[in-house]
Each structure stands twice: as structure tokens, then as C-alpha cells.
Amino acid sequence: MKIQAVADVHSPRYMTEFKQSLNSLQPPDLFLFAGDMVSRGKADEYNLILDSIHTHFGHDFPIIGCFGNEEYNEVRKEIIGLVGDRMQFLDEKSVVVESNGLQVGIVGTQGSLDKATSWQRRNIPSIKGVFERRAKRAASLLKKLHDKVDRRILLMHYSPCLETCEGEDMRAFSWLGSRKFYQVIMEQCPDLVIHGHVHNSVNHKAMIGSTLVHNVALPAVRTITALSVWD
């Protein structure tokens, strides 16, 4: 199965790099967005991103995304309305896709932080509880998929582990990801985790137990991440 994944395009900021990386790739079986595809809630940029993908590759594969912290809560309905059926967002939800004879379950979530930012504390009521519920919800969705699919993917924005944050100040991990999701992965053992958010990573993949974890943030990786898995 050929998967392409990217995060943190922050369109229009990194759109040139995004388009250039499309030129070197072939159409995938599945394309994943791990959040912050646009900058500061610029909902109309989403269709420009999708236009670029469809111009290069056509329409014969699903595009599935989760939200990042710059797809602000107040514009998410607008984004969903704008993109229509061109892609699917998973916001604390799951979906099953079929590819090459495999049933692949995907759980999507923004993820959590160990420590809320000052903005989050001011603007999101009970943010600590929100973060805790997201981890529990992801665990529940992964568990429900366990006996229903051949492979499971956890698609999230924030990081679940220190390893793919190498290159950042490790003292800042509380604002990059959450140990709660590390525990979710250890317990539920999805086959693949895709995340973004970590712009300065120098180590883009790691293993958590038997689970492969990839940071696909474009500012870190410098290209769309292309994976060939489960052949």
C-alpha cells in the first residue's frame, strides 16, 4: 500500500515546497493530512491544496485529514463545507478504507498536549479535560477497530512521543505532544501513527513497541512523506 502524508504546510507559507514535492511522486493509494495544512484559519486555502493534488494525481484515491491547532475550531465547519466530498476530516472519528485487498481503519484526532498553551487556557474551557477525553476517545476508537480491519492507522496532529521531537528543545515537549497518547499507542498497538506539529525534528520516525510513528511536518521533513507498507 502506498501512502503519502504531510502536515504543517501552513498554506500559503510552504505551498511552493509542497507543490515541488508533488512533482517527484506518483499517485498514492491513500493521502493523509496531519493538520495545520493552512495558516491561522485561512479556510479558503484548503481547496488550493486539493487542486494541486488532483492536478498532479487525479482523483482515484481517498484524502483523509485531521485538524491541527491552526485550523481553528470556529472555522472547521467552514473548511468542511468548502472541501465538500473532495476529502474527509476525522475529528475524533474513524473510517475504514479498502486498498489492495486490505481493510484499513483510520482514527483521526487533533491529539493532546501535556500542558495547554496560554492561548488554549484563555480560550478553550476545561482544556485539560478536553485533552484527557481525546486520548480516551482515540483509544476507544482503535479498540473498536481491532477485530474489524487488517491494519489500523492513528492520524493525529500533535506528537505522541519524544523520539520524533529530537531536534527540538526537549523541555518544550509538553507543548509539542502528550505522553497520554504514548500510552494509548503502547496499549492499542496501531500499525502506523502519522503526526505533524514538530517543525524542527531531525529524527522523523520511531518505533513505539511494534508501532511505526512518522512525523510528516513539511518544515521538518522538507518533502511529502511517501510510505510503502503492508505489501
Protein backbone atom coordinates (compact mmCIF):
# COMPACT_ATOMS: atom_id res chain seq x y z
CA MET A 1 0.00 0.00 0.00
CA LYS A 2 1.38 3.38 -1.00
CA ILE A 3 0.62 6.15 1.48
CA GLN A 4 1.58 9.80 1.17
CA ALA A 5 1.29 12.04 4.20
CA VAL A 6 2.04 15.64 5.09
CA ALA A 7 1.35 18.23 7.78
CA ASP A 8 2.15 21.85 8.53
CA VAL A 9 2.01 23.20 5.00
CA HIS A 10 0.57 26.32 6.66
CA SER A 11 -0.66 27.41 3.23
CA PRO A 12 0.28 29.73 1.68
CA ARG A 13 3.57 29.71 3.63
CA TYR A 14 5.00 26.40 2.37
CA MET A 15 2.87 25.89 -0.74
CA THR A 16 5.85 26.23 -3.10
CA GLU A 17 7.68 23.41 -1.31
CA PHE A 18 4.50 21.34 -1.23
CA LYS A 19 3.92 21.68 -4.96
CA GLN A 20 7.56 20.92 -5.75
CA SER A 21 7.45 17.71 -3.75
CA LEU A 22 4.34 16.57 -5.63
CA ASN A 23 6.39 16.64 -8.84
CA SER A 24 8.61 13.80 -7.68
CA LEU A 25 5.80 11.43 -6.64
CA GLN A 26 3.38 9.01 -8.26
CA PRO A 27 -0.31 8.73 -7.30
CA PRO A 28 -0.76 7.03 -3.91
CA ASP A 29 -3.40 4.63 -2.65
CA LEU A 30 -4.12 6.98 0.25
CA PHE A 31 -3.21 10.59 1.05
CA LEU A 32 -3.20 11.77 4.67
CA PHE A 33 -3.18 15.33 6.09
CA ALA A 34 -1.97 15.54 9.71
CA GLY A 35 -3.18 19.06 10.46
CA ASP A 36 -2.10 22.69 10.08
CA MET A 37 -2.45 22.50 6.33
CA VAL A 38 -3.45 26.17 6.38
CA SER A 39 -2.20 29.16 8.37
CA ARG A 40 -4.25 30.88 11.03
CA GLY A 41 -7.65 29.60 9.99
CA LYS A 42 -7.42 30.52 6.28
CA ALA A 43 -10.14 28.09 5.23
CA ASP A 44 -10.12 29.02 1.55
CA GLU A 45 -6.53 27.75 1.19
CA TYR A 46 -7.76 24.17 1.52
CA ASN A 47 -9.14 23.99 -1.99
CA LEU A 48 -5.83 25.31 -3.38
CA ILE A 49 -4.06 22.40 -1.69
CA LEU A 50 -6.59 19.91 -3.02
CA ASP A 51 -6.39 21.44 -6.50
CA SER A 52 -2.64 20.85 -6.51
CA ILE A 53 -3.02 17.20 -5.54
CA HIS A 54 -5.79 16.49 -8.04
CA THR A 55 -3.92 18.26 -10.85
CA HIS A 56 -0.89 16.02 -10.29
CA PHE A 57 -2.53 12.73 -9.38
CA GLY A 58 -6.20 12.74 -10.38
CA HIS A 59 -8.99 11.65 -8.05
CA ASP A 60 -8.65 7.86 -7.75
CA PHE A 61 -7.67 7.68 -4.07
CA PRO A 62 -9.09 8.93 -0.76
CA ILE A 63 -7.73 12.01 1.00
CA ILE A 64 -8.26 11.92 4.76
CA GLY A 65 -7.22 14.54 7.30
CA CYS A 66 -7.35 15.57 10.93
CA PHE A 67 -7.34 19.13 12.22
CA GLY A 68 -4.34 20.97 13.66
CA ASN A 69 -4.19 23.87 16.05
CA GLU A 70 -4.24 26.44 13.21
CA GLU A 71 -7.45 25.03 11.79
CA TYR A 72 -9.25 26.97 14.48
CA ASN A 73 -12.40 25.47 15.99
CA GLU A 74 -14.52 28.34 14.70
CA VAL A 75 -13.56 27.72 11.03
CA ARG A 76 -13.73 23.92 10.94
CA LYS A 77 -17.33 23.78 9.74
CA GLU A 78 -16.44 26.31 7.06
CA ILE A 79 -13.49 24.17 5.93
CA ILE A 80 -15.65 21.03 5.77
CA GLY A 81 -18.25 22.92 3.75
CA LEU A 82 -15.67 24.31 1.35
CA VAL A 83 -13.97 20.99 0.56
CA GLY A 84 -17.24 19.08 0.20
CA ASP A 85 -16.65 15.49 -0.86
CA ARG A 86 -13.10 16.12 -2.08
CA MET A 87 -11.70 14.79 1.20
CA GLN A 88 -12.82 13.56 4.60
CA PHE A 89 -11.96 15.00 8.00
CA LEU A 90 -11.73 12.74 11.04
CA ASP A 91 -12.25 14.81 14.19
CA GLU A 92 -12.39 12.22 16.97
CA LYS A 93 -13.82 9.79 14.41
CA SER A 94 -12.78 6.74 12.41
CA VAL A 95 -13.26 5.42 8.91
CA VAL A 96 -12.42 2.20 7.09
CA VAL A 97 -10.95 2.28 3.58
CA GLU A 98 -10.13 -0.66 1.32
CA SER A 99 -6.91 -0.80 -0.65
CA ASN A 100 -5.14 -3.67 -2.39
CA GLY A 101 -7.42 -6.15 -0.66
CA LEU A 102 -6.76 -4.72 2.80
CA GLN A 103 -9.31 -3.19 5.15
CA VAL A 104 -7.54 -0.23 6.77
CA GLY A 105 -9.10 1.55 9.73
CA ILE A 106 -8.07 5.16 10.33
CA VAL A 107 -8.67 7.06 13.57
CA GLY A 108 -8.30 10.84 13.36
CA THR A 109 -7.75 13.31 16.19
CA GLN A 110 -6.00 16.60 16.83
CA GLY A 111 -4.30 14.87 19.75
CA SER A 112 -3.35 16.39 23.07
CA LEU A 113 -0.65 18.34 24.85
CA ASP A 114 0.75 17.61 28.28
CA LYS A 115 0.50 21.31 29.03
CA ALA A 116 -2.00 23.70 27.44
CA THR A 117 -0.68 26.86 25.86
CA SER A 118 -1.60 30.20 27.41
CA TRP A 119 -3.95 30.85 24.48
CA GLN A 120 -5.68 27.49 24.99
CA ARG A 121 -6.11 28.14 28.71
CA ARG A 122 -7.72 31.51 27.95
CA ASN A 123 -9.94 30.41 25.09
CA ILE A 124 -10.86 26.72 25.49
CA PRO A 125 -12.95 25.92 28.58
CA SER A 126 -11.72 22.93 30.62
CA ILE A 127 -8.85 22.34 28.21
CA LYS A 128 -7.19 19.77 30.49
CA GLY A 129 -10.35 17.68 30.38
CA VAL A 130 -10.52 18.09 26.58
CA PHE A 131 -7.02 16.68 26.25
CA GLU A 132 -7.83 13.74 28.51
CA ARG A 133 -11.02 12.94 26.60
CA ARG A 134 -9.23 13.00 23.25
CA ALA A 135 -6.79 10.33 24.40
CA LYS A 136 -9.60 8.16 25.78
CA ARG A 137 -11.64 8.60 22.62
CA ALA A 138 -8.72 7.62 20.38
CA ALA A 139 -8.10 4.52 22.49
CA SER A 140 -11.76 3.56 22.28
CA LEU A 141 -11.90 4.00 18.50
CA LEU A 142 -8.72 1.98 17.96
CA LYS A 143 -10.03 -0.77 20.20
CA LYS A 144 -13.33 -0.95 18.28
CA LEU A 145 -11.43 -1.36 15.01
CA HIS A 146 -9.15 -4.11 16.30
CA ASP A 147 -11.17 -7.11 15.09
CA LYS A 148 -12.79 -5.37 12.13
CA VAL A 149 -9.83 -4.40 9.94
CA ASP A 150 -6.49 -5.74 8.73
CA ARG A 151 -4.45 -2.63 9.65
CA ARG A 152 -5.02 0.42 11.85
CA ILE A 153 -3.66 3.96 11.45
CA LEU A 154 -3.76 6.70 14.09
CA LEU A 155 -3.72 10.07 12.34
CA MET A 156 -3.04 12.99 14.68
CA HIS A 157 -1.54 16.47 14.71
CA TYR A 158 0.38 16.67 17.99
CA SER A 159 3.25 14.27 18.68
CA PRO A 160 2.80 11.15 20.81
CA CYS A 161 6.48 10.63 21.65
CA LEU A 162 9.82 12.26 22.37
CA GLU A 163 11.70 10.35 19.69
CA THR A 164 10.20 12.21 16.72
CA CYS A 165 10.73 15.53 18.51
CA GLU A 166 14.51 15.16 18.52
CA GLY A 167 15.93 18.46 17.32
CA GLU A 168 13.50 20.49 19.42
CA ASP A 169 14.22 21.62 22.96
CA MET A 170 13.05 18.54 24.87
CA ARG A 171 11.96 20.78 27.74
CA ALA A 172 9.25 22.01 25.36
CA PHE A 173 7.71 18.59 24.73
CA SER A 174 4.71 19.47 26.89
CA TRP A 175 3.73 21.96 24.16
CA LEU A 176 4.52 19.54 21.31
CA GLY A 177 2.65 16.42 22.34
CA SER A 178 1.34 14.19 25.07
CA ARG A 179 2.52 11.17 26.98
CA LYS A 180 -1.15 10.17 27.23
CA PHE A 181 -1.07 9.26 23.56
CA TYR A 182 2.19 7.37 24.02
CA GLN A 183 0.29 5.18 26.48
CA VAL A 184 -2.61 4.81 24.05
CA ILE A 185 -0.21 3.55 21.39
CA MET A 186 1.52 1.15 23.77
CA GLU A 187 -1.83 -0.32 24.80
CA GLN A 188 -3.67 -0.37 21.45
CA CYS A 189 -0.70 -1.07 19.13
CA PRO A 190 -1.90 0.54 15.89
CA ASP A 191 0.19 -0.42 12.88
CA LEU A 192 1.08 3.16 11.94
CA VAL A 193 0.92 6.60 13.55
CA ILE A 194 1.15 9.75 11.43
CA HIS A 195 1.61 13.13 13.14
CA GLY A 196 2.85 16.65 12.47
CA HIS A 197 3.32 19.85 14.51
CA VAL A 198 7.05 19.32 15.19
CA HIS A 199 8.79 21.70 12.78
CA ASN A 200 12.40 21.23 13.90
CA SER A 201 12.58 17.46 14.11
CA VAL A 202 15.76 15.81 12.86
CA ASN A 203 14.52 12.28 13.55
CA HIS A 204 11.29 11.79 11.67
CA LYS A 205 10.38 8.22 12.55
CA ALA A 206 10.48 5.95 15.57
CA MET A 207 9.05 2.73 16.95
CA ILE A 208 6.72 2.66 19.95
CA GLY A 209 6.62 -1.02 20.73
CA SER A 210 5.53 -2.59 17.45
CA THR A 211 4.07 0.66 16.08
CA LEU A 212 5.81 2.75 13.43
CA VAL A 213 5.50 6.50 14.12
CA HIS A 214 6.20 9.17 11.48
CA ASN A 215 6.44 12.93 11.89
CA VAL A 216 5.34 14.28 8.50
CA ALA A 217 5.60 18.03 9.22
CA LEU A 218 6.74 19.62 5.96
CA PRO A 219 9.09 22.18 7.60
CA ALA A 220 10.97 19.28 9.22
CA VAL A 221 10.92 16.62 6.52
CA ARG A 222 11.14 19.09 3.58
CA THR A 223 9.00 16.88 1.39
CA ILE A 224 5.79 14.88 1.41
CA THR A 225 6.41 11.61 3.24
CA ALA A 226 5.89 8.60 0.96
CA LEU A 227 5.49 5.19 2.58
CA SER A 228 5.15 1.74 1.07
CA VAL A 229 3.66 -0.55 3.70
CA TRP A 230 1.99 -3.95 4.07
CA ASP A 231 2.91 -5.21 0.60
